[in-house]
Amino acid sequence: MLDLRDYGIEMWDKDKIEAFRKALLDWYDANKRDLPWRRTSDPYAIWVSEIMLQQTRVDTVIPYYESFLHRLPTIEDLAQAPEEVLLKVWEGLGYYSRVRNMQKAAQQMMLEFNGQFPKAHDQILTLKGIGPYTAGAIASIAFQLPEPAVDGNVMRVLSRLFEVDHDIGIPANRKIFQAMMEILIDPVRPGDFNQALMDLGADIEAPVNPRPEDSPVREFSAAYRNGTMDKYPIKAPKKKPVPVFFKGFIIRNQQNQFLLEKNTSAGLLSGFWSFPLIESEPVAQNELTLFQVVEDPHIESPQYTFEKEYQLHVEWKLRNFPTVQHIFSHRKWQIELLEGIVTDKGESLVTDKEMVWVSPEDFHQYPFAKPQQKMWASFQSTLK
């Protein structure tokens, strides 16, 4: 077992721990948020909520959670869902590898656990895409097992309670907070205890503008007592996302259908449909024409590159659109839109790409990621 004194942390005695548990749970009972996943003990529903809540706001998650369970109410439904359905129920949430891993975990449960959610903590940890935090959350909330669920909110609260001088952004330091939680967690109400700390960290102990004077456990907080709230938690600043530049092509035919392309690669946004994208170099802010003027004759304009790659003759429109920006965890996409109309009667599409002509009223049948949704919004904004 980890000796926390080796990390400069002196844990409280038994009486103080029990007093802390009572103060925290009393506050939670009086102030807990009424959330749909807190009205159930179904481990499948709790699992869905926990995966969705990772790096997504609660108010954003609620409609996604309800829609997901309506469309895929059981482990078996999730295991058998076609890719188009899987991506559609997750459309706009981002981090799409998570829902793919959920399907793999559901398939794993069908094969290894007779379609049931495993009840043992070590078995939950074997499921695809489930790490220590999610396993602890499900085990404690659904099955009342005294397993910690250590996320950023919890580490923030603990850092201030004990003035922990270790960077919460370093994955190797998670074991310190895990060991602290194993001592602190309430054995009778472990699920409520974990959720109480999460609520506390998300609101009163938020990373920005915390309200320590409102904390139900302020008398236990070393940082509050010593006036060091602004120091904790210790966390090095994140690296800025790397900018990536694209040209996005809004191409219509004579029937007012738009060209969509499916991302068949195994990388980012695999399986989603989008207006065609071609990576490009950054364009100067004072550029006055859509057709890139370059001194090097070997550099092609994006329009020419598109026509050659997609084997379409396009009548290009000289219209400016708001630049689309979308930030992923490590990349910042900047997309400049180009508009064109295909006048060829045949409108033949190249066979090495998966492409379709789709009317706007049928867009809902295709899973669109956030960048695609923003491209469409940018295009429509110029029509008003």
Protein backbone atom coordinates (compact mmCIF):
# COMPACT_ATOMS: atom_id res chain seq x y z
CA MET A 1 0.00 0.00 0.00
CA LEU A 2 1.22 3.48 -0.86
CA ASP A 3 2.64 5.36 2.14
CA LEU A 4 1.32 8.88 1.67
CA ARG A 5 3.86 10.29 4.12
CA ASP A 6 6.48 9.62 1.44
CA TYR A 7 4.64 12.24 -0.63
CA GLY A 8 4.41 14.80 2.17
CA ILE A 9 0.76 14.01 3.01
CA GLU A 10 -0.39 13.37 6.56
CA MET A 11 -3.87 11.85 6.60
CA TRP A 12 -6.41 12.59 9.34
CA ASP A 13 -7.28 10.33 12.23
CA LYS A 14 -10.40 8.16 12.19
CA ASP A 15 -12.63 10.64 14.05
CA LYS A 16 -11.77 13.48 11.69
CA ILE A 17 -12.36 11.29 8.65
CA GLU A 18 -15.81 10.33 9.96
CA ALA A 19 -16.62 13.98 10.64
CA PHE A 20 -15.53 14.87 7.11
CA ARG A 21 -17.72 12.16 5.59
CA LYS A 22 -20.74 13.36 7.56
CA ALA A 23 -20.25 17.02 6.62
CA LEU A 24 -19.83 16.18 2.95
CA LEU A 25 -22.78 13.77 2.72
CA ASP A 26 -25.10 16.06 4.70
CA TRP A 27 -24.34 18.83 2.21
CA TYR A 28 -24.85 16.44 -0.72
CA ASP A 29 -28.22 15.26 0.60
CA ALA A 30 -29.40 18.85 0.83
CA ASN A 31 -27.87 20.17 -2.41
CA LYS A 32 -27.36 17.33 -4.90
CA ARG A 33 -28.40 18.01 -8.44
CA ASP A 34 -31.43 16.20 -9.81
CA LEU A 35 -29.88 14.42 -12.79
CA PRO A 36 -31.46 11.60 -14.82
CA TRP A 37 -28.61 9.15 -14.19
CA ARG A 38 -29.02 9.66 -10.45
CA ARG A 39 -32.54 8.28 -10.63
CA THR A 40 -31.33 4.80 -11.55
CA SER A 41 -29.03 2.06 -10.30
CA ASP A 42 -28.78 0.47 -13.75
CA PRO A 43 -25.03 0.07 -14.39
CA TYR A 44 -25.54 0.36 -18.16
CA ALA A 45 -27.22 3.76 -17.84
CA ILE A 46 -24.64 4.94 -15.29
CA TRP A 47 -21.85 3.81 -17.62
CA VAL A 48 -23.34 5.76 -20.53
CA SER A 49 -23.56 8.90 -18.40
CA GLU A 50 -20.02 8.60 -17.08
CA ILE A 51 -18.50 8.23 -20.55
CA MET A 52 -20.52 11.17 -21.85
CA LEU A 53 -19.61 13.37 -18.88
CA GLN A 54 -15.89 13.09 -19.55
CA GLN A 55 -14.86 16.60 -20.67
CA THR A 56 -18.48 17.59 -21.43
CA ARG A 57 -20.80 19.86 -19.43
CA VAL A 58 -23.73 18.31 -17.58
CA ASP A 59 -26.37 20.45 -19.31
CA THR A 60 -24.96 19.39 -22.69
CA VAL A 61 -24.97 15.70 -21.75
CA ILE A 62 -28.57 15.36 -20.54
CA PRO A 63 -30.31 15.35 -23.97
CA TYR A 64 -27.58 13.11 -25.43
CA TYR A 65 -27.97 10.68 -22.52
CA GLU A 66 -31.73 10.48 -22.89
CA SER A 67 -31.54 10.11 -26.68
CA PHE A 68 -28.85 7.43 -26.44
CA LEU A 69 -30.85 5.27 -24.02
CA HIS A 70 -34.01 5.75 -26.09
CA ARG A 71 -32.23 4.55 -29.24
CA LEU A 72 -29.99 1.93 -27.59
CA PRO A 73 -31.72 0.91 -24.34
CA THR A 74 -29.75 -2.28 -23.67
CA ILE A 75 -26.25 -3.69 -23.84
CA GLU A 76 -27.37 -5.93 -26.69
CA ASP A 77 -28.73 -2.97 -28.66
CA LEU A 78 -25.42 -1.16 -28.32
CA ALA A 79 -23.43 -4.25 -29.25
CA GLN A 80 -25.41 -4.72 -32.47
CA ALA A 81 -25.79 -1.06 -33.54
CA PRO A 82 -24.66 -0.23 -37.11
CA GLU A 83 -21.86 2.32 -37.35
CA GLU A 84 -24.19 5.00 -38.77
CA VAL A 85 -26.50 4.68 -35.74
CA LEU A 86 -23.59 4.58 -33.31
CA LEU A 87 -22.09 7.81 -34.65
CA LYS A 88 -25.48 9.50 -34.98
CA VAL A 89 -26.34 9.08 -31.27
CA TRP A 90 -22.93 10.53 -30.40
CA GLU A 91 -23.00 13.25 -33.06
CA GLY A 92 -21.61 16.51 -31.70
CA LEU A 93 -20.20 15.13 -28.44
CA GLY A 94 -16.71 14.64 -29.85
CA TYR A 95 -14.12 12.08 -28.73
CA TYR A 96 -15.74 9.48 -30.97
CA SER A 97 -13.30 6.73 -30.01
CA ARG A 98 -15.22 6.61 -26.72
CA VAL A 99 -18.49 5.44 -28.26
CA ARG A 100 -16.61 2.96 -30.47
CA ASN A 101 -14.96 1.57 -27.35
CA MET A 102 -18.37 1.42 -25.67
CA GLN A 103 -19.64 -0.77 -28.48
CA LYS A 104 -16.61 -3.03 -28.17
CA ALA A 105 -17.22 -3.26 -24.42
CA ALA A 106 -20.88 -4.11 -25.04
CA GLN A 107 -19.84 -6.84 -27.46
CA GLN A 108 -17.39 -8.06 -24.83
CA MET A 109 -20.19 -8.24 -22.25
CA MET A 110 -22.35 -10.23 -24.67
CA LEU A 111 -19.56 -12.78 -25.10
CA GLU A 112 -18.03 -12.94 -21.64
CA PHE A 113 -20.80 -11.94 -19.22
CA ASN A 114 -23.98 -13.26 -20.88
CA GLY A 115 -25.05 -9.77 -21.86
CA GLN A 116 -24.98 -8.54 -18.26
CA PHE A 117 -22.91 -5.74 -16.78
CA PRO A 118 -20.25 -7.33 -14.53
CA LYS A 119 -20.62 -6.54 -10.85
CA ALA A 120 -17.03 -7.01 -9.67
CA HIS A 121 -14.68 -4.05 -9.85
CA ASP A 122 -11.82 -6.05 -11.38
CA GLN A 123 -14.19 -7.39 -14.06
CA ILE A 124 -15.46 -3.90 -14.89
CA LEU A 125 -11.85 -2.84 -15.40
CA THR A 126 -11.42 -5.47 -18.12
CA LEU A 127 -14.00 -3.78 -20.36
CA LYS A 128 -12.74 -1.84 -23.37
CA GLY A 129 -12.43 1.89 -22.75
CA ILE A 130 -13.04 1.67 -19.00
CA GLY A 131 -10.23 2.95 -16.81
CA PRO A 132 -9.87 3.31 -13.04
CA TYR A 133 -12.11 6.38 -12.75
CA THR A 134 -15.05 4.98 -14.73
CA ALA A 135 -14.74 1.56 -13.08
CA GLY A 136 -14.77 3.20 -9.66
CA ALA A 137 -17.77 5.35 -10.51
CA ILE A 138 -19.84 2.41 -11.81
CA ALA A 139 -18.81 0.06 -9.00
CA SER A 140 -19.63 2.60 -6.28
CA ILE A 141 -22.81 4.11 -7.74
CA ALA A 142 -24.43 1.02 -9.26
CA PHE A 143 -23.17 -1.67 -6.87
CA GLN A 144 -22.26 0.32 -3.72
CA LEU A 145 -18.71 -1.02 -3.67
CA PRO A 146 -16.21 1.18 -1.76
CA GLU A 147 -14.18 2.00 -4.86
CA PRO A 148 -12.84 5.54 -5.42
CA ALA A 149 -13.67 7.47 -8.59
CA VAL A 150 -10.80 9.91 -8.98
CA ASP A 151 -11.31 12.58 -11.64
CA GLY A 152 -10.07 16.14 -12.03
CA ASN A 153 -12.74 17.52 -9.72
CA VAL A 154 -11.84 15.10 -6.95
CA MET A 155 -8.10 15.74 -7.29
CA ARG A 156 -8.75 19.49 -7.11
CA VAL A 157 -10.70 19.14 -3.85
CA LEU A 158 -8.14 16.80 -2.28
CA SER A 159 -5.26 19.05 -3.34
CA ARG A 160 -6.80 21.91 -1.39
CA LEU A 161 -7.84 19.81 1.59
CA PHE A 162 -4.31 18.50 2.15
CA GLU A 163 -2.15 21.03 0.25
CA VAL A 164 -0.87 18.33 -2.10
CA ASP A 165 2.35 19.51 -3.75
CA HIS A 166 2.10 17.20 -6.76
CA ASP A 167 0.93 18.10 -10.27
CA ILE A 168 -2.55 16.70 -10.88
CA GLY A 169 -1.91 16.78 -14.64
CA ILE A 170 0.80 14.11 -14.43
CA PRO A 171 -0.85 10.68 -14.85
CA ALA A 172 1.67 8.97 -12.55
CA ASN A 173 0.49 11.17 -9.67
CA ARG A 174 -3.03 9.80 -9.85
CA LYS A 175 -1.98 6.95 -7.55
CA ILE A 176 -1.46 9.50 -4.75
CA PHE A 177 -5.07 10.68 -4.93
CA GLN A 178 -6.31 7.12 -5.37
CA ALA A 179 -4.58 6.15 -2.11
CA MET A 180 -6.07 9.17 -0.32
CA MET A 181 -9.56 8.28 -1.52
CA GLU A 182 -9.21 4.68 -0.40
CA ILE A 183 -8.80 6.03 3.13
CA LEU A 184 -11.47 8.74 2.93
CA ILE A 185 -14.32 7.03 1.04
CA ASP A 186 -17.45 6.30 3.00
CA PRO A 187 -17.91 2.49 3.14
CA VAL A 188 -21.68 2.73 3.60
CA ARG A 189 -22.46 5.28 0.87
CA PRO A 190 -19.49 5.11 -1.50
CA GLY A 191 -21.46 6.15 -4.60
CA ASP A 192 -22.90 9.24 -2.92
CA PHE A 193 -19.49 10.08 -1.46
CA ASN A 194 -17.84 9.99 -4.89
CA GLN A 195 -20.62 12.05 -6.45
CA ALA A 196 -20.55 14.55 -3.60
CA LEU A 197 -16.86 15.24 -4.19
CA MET A 198 -17.50 15.54 -7.94
CA ASP A 199 -20.30 18.06 -7.33
CA LEU A 200 -18.16 20.00 -4.88
CA GLY A 201 -15.26 20.15 -7.33
CA ALA A 202 -17.50 21.17 -10.23
CA ASP A 203 -19.12 24.08 -8.41
CA ILE A 204 -17.86 25.47 -5.10
CA GLU A 205 -14.33 24.16 -5.68
CA ALA A 206 -14.32 24.96 -9.40
CA PRO A 207 -10.99 25.67 -11.14
CA VAL A 208 -12.10 29.25 -11.88
CA ASN A 209 -13.71 31.55 -9.31
CA PRO A 210 -14.03 29.03 -6.48
CA ARG A 211 -16.15 29.95 -3.44
CA PRO A 212 -14.23 28.33 -0.57
CA GLU A 213 -16.22 30.23 2.05
CA ASP A 214 -19.32 28.31 0.86
CA SER A 215 -17.67 24.91 1.09
CA PRO A 216 -19.29 22.45 3.50
CA VAL A 217 -15.82 21.10 4.31
CA ARG A 218 -13.90 24.37 4.58
CA GLU A 219 -13.00 23.68 8.22
CA PHE A 220 -11.12 20.58 7.00
CA SER A 221 -9.24 22.43 4.24
CA ALA A 222 -5.58 23.21 4.89
CA ALA A 223 -5.50 25.53 1.86
CA TYR A 224 -8.50 27.50 3.16
CA ARG A 225 -7.02 27.69 6.63
CA ASN A 226 -3.57 28.76 5.39
CA GLY A 227 -4.75 31.14 2.67
CA THR A 228 -3.21 29.08 -0.16
CA MET A 229 -6.32 28.38 -2.20
CA ASP A 230 -4.81 30.12 -5.23
CA LYS A 231 -1.81 27.76 -5.20
CA TYR A 232 -3.74 24.49 -5.36
CA PRO A 233 -4.12 22.32 -7.26
CA ILE A 234 -0.71 22.34 -8.84
CA LYS A 235 -1.03 21.87 -12.57
CA ALA A 236 1.34 22.82 -15.38
CA PRO A 237 -0.33 24.70 -18.28
CA LYS A 238 -1.45 22.61 -21.24
CA LYS A 239 0.34 22.79 -24.55
CA LYS A 240 -1.50 24.86 -27.12
CA PRO A 241 -3.20 22.84 -29.88
CA VAL A 242 -1.34 22.74 -33.18
CA PRO A 243 -3.12 24.72 -35.94
CA VAL A 244 -4.13 22.76 -39.05
CA PHE A 245 -5.55 24.53 -42.10
CA PHE A 246 -8.14 23.20 -44.55
CA LYS A 247 -10.15 24.26 -47.54
CA GLY A 248 -13.75 23.11 -47.22
CA PHE A 249 -15.72 22.72 -50.43
CA ILE A 250 -19.47 23.45 -50.47
CA ILE A 251 -20.40 21.95 -53.85
CA ARG A 252 -23.97 21.85 -55.19
CA ASN A 253 -25.50 20.29 -58.26
CA GLN A 254 -28.43 21.50 -60.36
CA GLN A 255 -30.90 19.74 -58.04
CA ASN A 256 -29.61 21.70 -55.02
CA GLN A 257 -28.00 18.59 -53.59
CA PHE A 258 -24.69 18.93 -51.79
CA LEU A 259 -21.63 16.74 -52.16
CA LEU A 260 -20.77 14.78 -49.03
CA GLU A 261 -17.80 12.50 -48.51
CA LYS A 262 -17.44 9.75 -45.91
CA ASN A 263 -14.23 9.67 -43.91
CA THR A 264 -13.08 6.10 -44.45
CA SER A 265 -9.70 6.53 -42.77
CA ALA A 266 -8.96 5.01 -39.39
CA GLY A 267 -8.02 8.35 -37.88
CA LEU A 268 -9.85 11.39 -36.56
CA LEU A 269 -13.62 11.49 -37.32
CA SER A 270 -13.58 8.12 -39.05
CA GLY A 271 -17.02 7.11 -40.31
CA PHE A 272 -18.48 10.63 -40.40
CA TRP A 273 -19.77 12.46 -43.45
CA SER A 274 -18.55 15.92 -44.36
CA PHE A 275 -18.21 18.41 -47.13
CA PRO A 276 -14.91 17.56 -48.87
CA LEU A 277 -11.83 18.84 -47.06
CA ILE A 278 -8.34 19.34 -48.44
CA GLU A 279 -5.50 20.29 -46.11
CA SER A 280 -3.81 23.55 -47.10
CA GLU A 281 -1.29 26.13 -46.09
CA PRO A 282 -2.41 29.14 -44.01
CA VAL A 283 -3.76 32.00 -46.11
CA ALA A 284 -2.81 35.61 -45.46
CA GLN A 285 -5.54 37.62 -43.75
CA ASN A 286 -5.46 40.34 -46.41
CA GLU A 287 -6.02 37.97 -49.33
CA LEU A 288 -8.71 39.54 -51.52
CA THR A 289 -9.52 36.69 -53.88
CA LEU A 290 -10.62 33.14 -53.35
CA PHE A 291 -8.23 31.97 -56.06
CA GLN A 292 -4.83 31.77 -54.46
CA VAL A 293 -2.29 33.83 -56.37
CA VAL A 294 1.20 32.40 -56.01
CA GLU A 295 4.48 33.12 -57.69
CA ASP A 296 5.50 29.47 -57.87
CA PRO A 297 3.82 27.98 -61.00
CA HIS A 298 4.06 24.49 -59.51
CA ILE A 299 1.64 25.37 -56.70
CA GLU A 300 -1.96 24.72 -57.70
CA SER A 301 -4.99 26.68 -56.54
CA PRO A 302 -7.27 24.76 -54.14
CA GLN A 303 -10.06 24.89 -56.73
CA TYR A 304 -7.88 23.25 -59.36
CA THR A 305 -6.72 20.64 -56.84
CA PHE A 306 -10.34 19.84 -55.98
CA GLU A 307 -11.45 19.48 -59.61
CA LYS A 308 -8.52 17.20 -60.38
CA GLU A 309 -8.90 15.04 -57.27
CA TYR A 310 -12.69 14.75 -57.45
CA GLN A 311 -12.94 14.71 -61.26
CA LEU A 312 -15.67 17.33 -61.36
CA HIS A 313 -16.04 20.52 -63.39
CA VAL A 314 -17.10 23.29 -61.03
CA GLU A 315 -18.40 26.81 -61.58
CA TRP A 316 -16.86 28.62 -58.61
CA LYS A 317 -18.69 31.38 -56.70
CA LEU A 318 -16.79 34.37 -55.38
CA ARG A 319 -18.42 34.62 -51.97
CA ASN A 320 -16.72 35.00 -48.59
CA PHE A 321 -17.76 32.90 -45.60
CA PRO A 322 -16.88 33.14 -41.91
CA THR A 323 -13.83 31.00 -41.21
CA VAL A 324 -14.71 27.81 -39.35
CA GLN A 325 -12.65 26.96 -36.29
CA HIS A 326 -12.82 23.80 -34.21
CA ILE A 327 -10.47 22.79 -31.42
CA PHE A 328 -9.71 19.15 -30.72
CA SER A 329 -7.54 18.18 -27.75
CA HIS A 330 -4.26 18.59 -29.65
CA ARG A 331 -5.26 20.26 -32.91
CA LYS A 332 -7.01 23.45 -33.93
CA TRP A 333 -8.73 23.19 -37.29
CA GLN A 334 -9.22 26.34 -39.35
CA ILE A 335 -11.40 25.84 -42.41
CA GLU A 336 -11.91 28.35 -45.23
CA LEU A 337 -14.99 27.60 -47.33
CA LEU A 338 -15.16 27.64 -51.11
CA GLU A 339 -18.49 27.42 -52.93
CA GLY A 340 -19.16 25.93 -56.32
CA ILE A 341 -21.87 24.52 -58.59
CA VAL A 342 -21.44 21.42 -60.71
CA THR A 343 -23.06 21.88 -64.10
CA ASP A 344 -22.19 18.46 -65.60
CA LYS A 345 -25.36 16.52 -66.26
CA GLY A 346 -23.73 13.24 -65.32
CA GLU A 347 -22.23 14.45 -62.06
CA SER A 348 -20.16 11.29 -61.96
CA LEU A 349 -18.21 10.67 -58.77
CA VAL A 350 -14.77 9.13 -58.52
CA THR A 351 -14.91 5.50 -57.50
CA ASP A 352 -12.08 5.52 -54.95
CA LYS A 353 -14.04 7.81 -52.62
CA GLU A 354 -17.31 7.18 -50.81
CA MET A 355 -19.42 10.17 -51.84
CA VAL A 356 -23.10 11.05 -52.27
CA TRP A 357 -25.26 13.97 -53.39
CA VAL A 358 -27.65 14.83 -50.54
CA SER A 359 -30.46 17.37 -50.17
CA PRO A 360 -30.32 19.48 -46.99
CA GLU A 361 -33.60 18.00 -45.75
CA ASP A 362 -31.91 14.58 -45.75
CA PHE A 363 -28.80 15.65 -43.83
CA HIS A 364 -30.27 14.22 -40.63
CA GLN A 365 -29.77 10.72 -42.03
CA TYR A 366 -25.98 11.16 -42.03
CA PRO A 367 -23.76 11.48 -38.97
CA PHE A 368 -22.02 14.87 -38.98
CA ALA A 369 -19.21 15.78 -36.60
CA LYS A 370 -18.95 19.29 -35.14
CA PRO A 371 -16.66 20.68 -37.87
CA GLN A 372 -19.20 19.68 -40.52
CA GLN A 373 -22.04 21.26 -38.54
CA LYS A 374 -20.03 24.47 -38.22
CA MET A 375 -19.26 24.47 -41.97
CA TRP A 376 -22.95 24.22 -42.77
CA ALA A 377 -23.79 26.99 -40.29
CA SER A 378 -21.11 29.23 -41.82
CA PHE A 379 -22.51 28.62 -45.30
CA GLN A 380 -26.09 29.30 -44.24
CA SER A 381 -25.12 32.50 -42.43
CA THR A 382 -24.33 34.13 -45.78
CA LEU A 383 -27.75 33.27 -47.19
CA LYS A 384 -29.67 35.34 -44.65
